[in-house]
Amino acid sequence: MATLESAQPATIVIRPTHGPIPPRIGELWAYRELFVFLVWRDIKVRYAQTVLGAIWTVFQPLAMMGVYTYAFTQLARINTAPIPYALYALSGLALWTFVSRGVFQGTNSLVSEIALVTKTPSPRILIPMAGVTSMLVDFVITLILFLVFDGIYGRVPSWQFVFVVPLLGLAFVLTFGISLLLSAANVRYRDIGQALPFTIQLWFFLSPVAFPLLTPGHSWETYIQALNPLVGLILAFRWSLLGTAPPHGLFVVALIMTAVIFFVGVSYFSRADRTIADDV
């Protein structure tokens, strides 16, 4: 027969922690339904009260491809033969669209979800994660658009196409790492949100999205460009879609830079997590 002492519920002592709060995988899994809801809501709200709806996801990269095709082939006279420039630009835009929109959405996620940050015990890391994940839909639509144009030009993807998924995973890690870093900083310093559109635009012109990388293999320009992880990522992604030259060393640098950015982003977000609710 159980004694009175053994029947008493266990006492739970809550003490304040010190230092950064690392993400708890079990806790993230427990809130998986919230994560799915946030992703679905972001996708749904993006096209709410629009006449064209999801067609905007197709129209935007298509319009950008048309503008870049005219500007870089007719005005700048960039030659990407034997690959049609439209395919060359669209292959870069597919990855760039996901990364740029994911960074923008993830950076502003905490500020736009004040109620979740201040009034619920849910892991706050789920909020920028959901913002980045919702942009995968845009990527898939843009990739399908590329495959349609690839068929129109009488081309078919080669065996390198199987690397699209792991390269997308690497781009997700990069985007998520940047979003963690900037979203936590944006809560305290709202200048981040103000400067973000301009910064993303500069990042576009520093990345070979719509133009080939023409610098020599071992020049100082190449080493400087390699610090931008999107250089190696886009070149690798273009290799998987179009069979262009593999990026080799630039891709290795992109891997290292992505790992560093992700580690810094997680570390900073974990350290800022305890004060995010106060800063909002």
Protein backbone atom coordinates (compact mmCIF):
# COMPACT_ATOMS: atom_id res chain seq x y z
CA MET A 1 0.00 0.00 0.00
CA ALA A 2 1.40 3.35 -1.05
CA THR A 3 2.22 5.80 1.69
CA LEU A 4 0.95 9.36 1.79
CA GLU A 5 4.40 10.71 0.99
CA SER A 6 4.79 8.57 -2.14
CA ALA A 7 1.35 9.63 -3.41
CA GLN A 8 2.32 13.30 -3.42
CA PRO A 9 3.17 14.77 -6.85
CA ALA A 10 6.81 15.47 -7.57
CA THR A 11 8.01 18.98 -6.86
CA ILE A 12 9.23 20.88 -9.91
CA VAL A 13 11.74 23.63 -9.20
CA ILE A 14 12.09 26.33 -11.87
CA ARG A 15 15.35 28.22 -11.81
CA PRO A 16 16.64 30.92 -14.16
CA THR A 17 19.24 29.76 -16.65
CA HIS A 18 22.41 31.56 -17.59
CA GLY A 19 23.99 32.14 -20.98
CA PRO A 20 22.49 31.14 -24.32
CA ILE A 21 19.48 28.84 -24.53
CA PRO A 22 20.25 26.16 -27.13
CA PRO A 23 17.32 24.85 -29.21
CA ARG A 24 15.70 21.81 -27.60
CA ILE A 25 14.86 19.28 -30.31
CA GLY A 26 12.20 17.59 -28.17
CA GLU A 27 10.50 20.90 -27.51
CA LEU A 28 10.56 21.78 -31.20
CA TRP A 29 8.95 18.45 -32.04
CA ALA A 30 6.24 19.00 -29.42
CA TYR A 31 5.24 22.22 -31.20
CA ARG A 32 5.29 20.73 -34.70
CA GLU A 33 1.58 21.43 -35.22
CA LEU A 34 2.18 25.12 -34.53
CA PHE A 35 5.04 25.08 -37.03
CA VAL A 36 2.82 23.54 -39.73
CA PHE A 37 0.10 26.09 -38.98
CA LEU A 38 2.55 29.01 -39.28
CA VAL A 39 3.87 27.74 -42.61
CA TRP A 40 0.39 27.19 -44.02
CA ARG A 41 -0.79 30.59 -42.79
CA ASP A 42 2.18 32.37 -44.38
CA ILE A 43 1.47 30.68 -47.70
CA LYS A 44 -2.24 31.45 -47.50
CA VAL A 45 -1.88 35.08 -46.39
CA ARG A 46 0.67 35.80 -49.11
CA TYR A 47 -1.95 35.45 -51.81
CA ALA A 48 -5.04 36.51 -49.86
CA GLN A 49 -7.17 39.23 -51.47
CA THR A 50 -5.22 39.09 -54.73
CA VAL A 51 -6.90 38.69 -58.09
CA LEU A 52 -4.14 36.56 -59.62
CA GLY A 53 -3.35 34.60 -56.45
CA ALA A 54 -0.47 32.16 -56.85
CA ILE A 55 0.04 33.30 -60.45
CA TRP A 56 2.16 36.09 -58.97
CA THR A 57 4.74 33.46 -58.04
CA VAL A 58 5.07 32.58 -61.72
CA PHE A 59 4.77 36.12 -63.04
CA GLN A 60 7.56 37.66 -60.96
CA PRO A 61 10.46 35.38 -62.00
CA LEU A 62 9.09 35.32 -65.55
CA ALA A 63 9.06 39.12 -65.72
CA MET A 64 12.54 39.33 -64.20
CA MET A 65 13.83 36.77 -66.68
CA GLY A 66 12.44 38.85 -69.56
CA VAL A 67 13.98 42.07 -68.27
CA TYR A 68 17.39 40.50 -67.64
CA THR A 69 17.35 38.76 -71.02
CA TYR A 70 16.89 42.08 -72.77
CA ALA A 71 19.28 44.05 -70.55
CA PHE A 72 22.17 41.58 -70.48
CA THR A 73 21.94 40.23 -74.03
CA GLN A 74 20.92 43.35 -75.95
CA LEU A 75 22.55 46.08 -73.88
CA ALA A 76 25.43 44.42 -72.01
CA ARG A 77 26.00 41.83 -74.76
CA ILE A 78 26.62 38.96 -72.34
CA ASN A 79 27.08 35.66 -74.12
CA THR A 80 26.16 32.41 -72.34
CA ALA A 81 26.31 30.14 -75.44
CA PRO A 82 25.63 27.30 -75.92
CA ILE A 83 23.08 27.77 -73.10
CA PRO A 84 20.17 30.12 -73.92
CA TYR A 85 20.39 33.16 -71.68
CA ALA A 86 16.76 32.82 -70.59
CA LEU A 87 17.55 29.42 -69.05
CA TYR A 88 20.80 30.73 -67.60
CA ALA A 89 19.00 33.57 -65.83
CA LEU A 90 16.04 31.46 -64.70
CA SER A 91 18.33 28.84 -63.15
CA GLY A 92 19.91 31.52 -60.97
CA LEU A 93 16.60 33.21 -60.21
CA ALA A 94 15.11 29.95 -58.89
CA LEU A 95 17.63 29.77 -56.05
CA TRP A 96 17.89 33.54 -55.58
CA THR A 97 14.11 33.92 -55.23
CA PHE A 98 14.03 31.40 -52.40
CA VAL A 99 17.04 32.83 -50.55
CA SER A 100 16.10 36.52 -50.88
CA ARG A 101 12.45 36.05 -49.96
CA GLY A 102 13.34 33.62 -47.19
CA VAL A 103 15.78 36.08 -45.61
CA PHE A 104 13.24 38.90 -45.85
CA GLN A 105 10.40 36.83 -44.41
CA GLY A 106 12.54 35.28 -41.68
CA THR A 107 14.09 38.57 -40.60
CA ASN A 108 10.73 40.28 -40.09
CA SER A 109 9.01 37.22 -38.59
CA LEU A 110 9.58 37.96 -34.89
CA VAL A 111 8.47 41.58 -35.19
CA SER A 112 5.30 40.60 -37.06
CA GLU A 113 4.48 37.83 -34.55
CA ILE A 114 4.51 39.88 -31.36
CA ALA A 115 1.63 37.93 -29.80
CA LEU A 116 3.41 34.59 -30.23
CA VAL A 117 6.65 36.01 -28.85
CA THR A 118 5.18 37.64 -25.74
CA LYS A 119 2.11 35.58 -24.86
CA THR A 120 2.94 31.94 -25.62
CA PRO A 121 5.63 29.54 -24.36
CA SER A 122 6.30 28.19 -27.86
CA PRO A 123 9.94 28.01 -29.01
CA ARG A 124 10.63 31.30 -30.73
CA ILE A 125 13.03 29.68 -33.18
CA LEU A 126 10.00 28.13 -34.88
CA ILE A 127 8.84 31.55 -36.08
CA PRO A 128 11.76 32.41 -38.44
CA MET A 129 11.98 28.73 -39.37
CA ALA A 130 8.36 28.77 -40.54
CA GLY A 131 8.94 32.00 -42.47
CA VAL A 132 11.83 30.47 -44.40
CA THR A 133 10.06 27.14 -44.95
CA SER A 134 7.01 28.81 -46.49
CA MET A 135 9.22 30.11 -49.30
CA LEU A 136 9.90 26.57 -50.50
CA VAL A 137 6.58 26.74 -52.36
CA ASP A 138 7.88 29.67 -54.42
CA PHE A 139 11.04 27.71 -55.18
CA VAL A 140 9.12 24.67 -56.41
CA ILE A 141 6.95 26.82 -58.68
CA THR A 142 9.99 28.61 -60.12
CA LEU A 143 11.77 25.28 -60.65
CA ILE A 144 8.75 23.93 -62.54
CA LEU A 145 8.80 27.09 -64.65
CA PHE A 146 12.46 26.43 -65.46
CA LEU A 147 11.71 22.84 -66.48
CA VAL A 148 8.94 24.09 -68.80
CA PHE A 149 11.32 26.50 -70.53
CA ASP A 150 13.99 23.80 -70.58
CA GLY A 151 11.59 21.63 -72.58
CA ILE A 152 10.64 24.51 -74.87
CA TYR A 153 14.30 24.92 -75.79
CA GLY A 154 14.50 21.18 -76.52
CA ARG A 155 16.65 20.35 -73.51
CA VAL A 156 16.26 17.78 -70.75
CA PRO A 157 17.93 17.76 -67.32
CA SER A 158 21.04 15.59 -67.07
CA TRP A 159 22.04 13.26 -64.22
CA GLN A 160 23.26 16.26 -62.18
CA PHE A 161 19.61 17.15 -61.55
CA VAL A 162 19.60 14.77 -58.57
CA PHE A 163 21.76 17.30 -56.68
CA VAL A 164 19.00 19.94 -56.74
CA VAL A 165 17.52 18.71 -53.46
CA PRO A 166 20.77 18.64 -51.40
CA LEU A 167 21.78 22.02 -52.83
CA LEU A 168 18.37 23.38 -51.86
CA GLY A 169 18.92 21.97 -48.38
CA LEU A 170 22.23 23.82 -48.18
CA ALA A 171 20.53 27.03 -49.34
CA PHE A 172 17.89 26.50 -46.65
CA VAL A 173 20.57 26.20 -43.96
CA LEU A 174 22.21 29.42 -45.21
CA THR A 175 18.90 31.29 -45.36
CA PHE A 176 17.81 30.04 -41.96
CA GLY A 177 21.14 30.99 -40.37
CA ILE A 178 20.94 34.53 -41.76
CA SER A 179 17.31 34.81 -40.68
CA LEU A 180 18.12 33.74 -37.11
CA LEU A 181 20.87 36.31 -36.86
CA LEU A 182 18.91 39.19 -38.41
CA SER A 183 15.53 38.41 -36.84
CA ALA A 184 16.98 38.51 -33.32
CA ALA A 185 18.90 41.71 -34.13
CA ASN A 186 15.84 43.26 -35.79
CA VAL A 187 13.86 42.98 -32.56
CA ARG A 188 16.31 45.27 -30.78
CA TYR A 189 17.54 47.35 -33.72
CA ARG A 190 14.70 48.16 -36.12
CA ASP A 191 17.25 49.66 -38.52
CA ILE A 192 17.80 46.09 -39.71
CA GLY A 193 14.33 45.94 -41.20
CA GLN A 194 14.73 49.35 -42.82
CA ALA A 195 18.06 48.47 -44.44
CA LEU A 196 17.11 44.94 -45.46
CA PRO A 197 15.50 45.63 -48.89
CA PHE A 198 18.47 47.74 -49.95
CA THR A 199 20.95 45.17 -48.64
CA ILE A 200 19.21 42.32 -50.48
CA GLN A 201 19.32 44.35 -53.68
CA LEU A 202 23.07 44.87 -53.27
CA TRP A 203 23.48 41.16 -52.55
CA PHE A 204 21.78 40.38 -55.86
CA PHE A 205 24.34 42.36 -57.86
CA LEU A 206 27.19 40.79 -55.90
CA SER A 207 25.98 37.29 -56.82
CA PRO A 208 26.10 35.64 -60.28
CA VAL A 209 22.32 35.34 -60.52
CA ALA A 210 21.84 36.86 -63.96
CA PHE A 211 25.41 36.97 -65.28
CA PRO A 212 28.33 34.52 -65.54
CA LEU A 213 31.31 34.66 -63.22
CA LEU A 214 34.12 35.96 -65.41
CA THR A 215 36.95 36.42 -62.91
CA PRO A 216 40.01 34.13 -63.26
CA GLY A 217 40.22 31.07 -61.04
CA HIS A 218 42.94 32.35 -58.67
CA SER A 219 42.54 36.13 -58.83
CA TRP A 220 41.91 38.31 -55.80
CA GLU A 221 38.47 39.14 -57.18
CA THR A 222 37.56 35.45 -57.01
CA TYR A 223 38.70 35.15 -53.40
CA ILE A 224 36.66 38.20 -52.42
CA GLN A 225 33.60 36.88 -54.25
CA ALA A 226 34.04 33.51 -52.56
CA LEU A 227 33.23 35.17 -49.21
CA ASN A 228 29.70 35.46 -50.58
CA PRO A 229 28.35 31.91 -50.08
CA LEU A 230 25.75 32.45 -52.81
CA VAL A 231 28.50 32.52 -55.44
CA GLY A 232 29.47 28.88 -54.93
CA LEU A 233 25.86 27.85 -54.29
CA ILE A 234 24.46 29.40 -57.46
CA LEU A 235 27.29 28.01 -59.58
CA ALA A 236 26.66 24.54 -58.13
CA PHE A 237 22.92 24.89 -58.63
CA ARG A 238 23.43 26.01 -62.21
CA TRP A 239 25.71 23.02 -62.76
CA SER A 240 22.96 20.69 -61.53
CA LEU A 241 20.36 22.24 -63.84
CA LEU A 242 22.33 23.14 -66.95
CA GLY A 243 25.49 21.05 -66.81
CA THR A 244 27.80 24.06 -66.67
CA ALA A 245 31.33 23.86 -65.26
CA PRO A 246 31.38 22.66 -61.61
CA PRO A 247 32.38 25.33 -59.05
CA HIS A 248 34.99 23.17 -57.23
CA GLY A 249 36.79 25.41 -54.73
CA LEU A 250 34.10 28.07 -54.68
CA PHE A 251 31.59 25.47 -53.57
CA VAL A 252 33.87 24.29 -50.77
CA VAL A 253 34.15 27.88 -49.55
CA ALA A 254 30.35 28.18 -49.78
CA LEU A 255 30.01 25.10 -47.56
CA ILE A 256 32.38 26.57 -44.97
CA MET A 257 30.73 30.01 -45.05
CA THR A 258 27.26 28.46 -44.74
CA ALA A 259 28.34 26.43 -41.70
CA VAL A 260 29.89 29.52 -40.08
CA ILE A 261 26.82 31.69 -40.75
CA PHE A 262 24.48 29.02 -39.42
CA PHE A 263 26.53 28.54 -36.26
CA VAL A 264 26.74 32.29 -35.64
CA GLY A 265 23.01 32.68 -36.31
CA VAL A 266 22.01 29.90 -33.90
CA SER A 267 24.44 31.15 -31.23
CA TYR A 268 23.26 34.75 -31.42
CA PHE A 269 19.58 33.77 -31.49
CA SER A 270 20.08 31.47 -28.48
CA ARG A 271 21.77 34.24 -26.54
CA ALA A 272 19.13 36.84 -27.46
CA ASP A 273 16.21 34.47 -26.85
CA ARG A 274 15.87 35.33 -23.14
CA THR A 275 15.39 39.07 -23.87
CA ILE A 276 13.43 38.97 -27.13
CA ALA A 277 10.05 39.34 -25.40
CA ASP A 278 11.29 42.41 -23.50
CA ASP A 279 12.79 44.04 -26.59
CA VAL A 280 9.64 43.61 -28.70
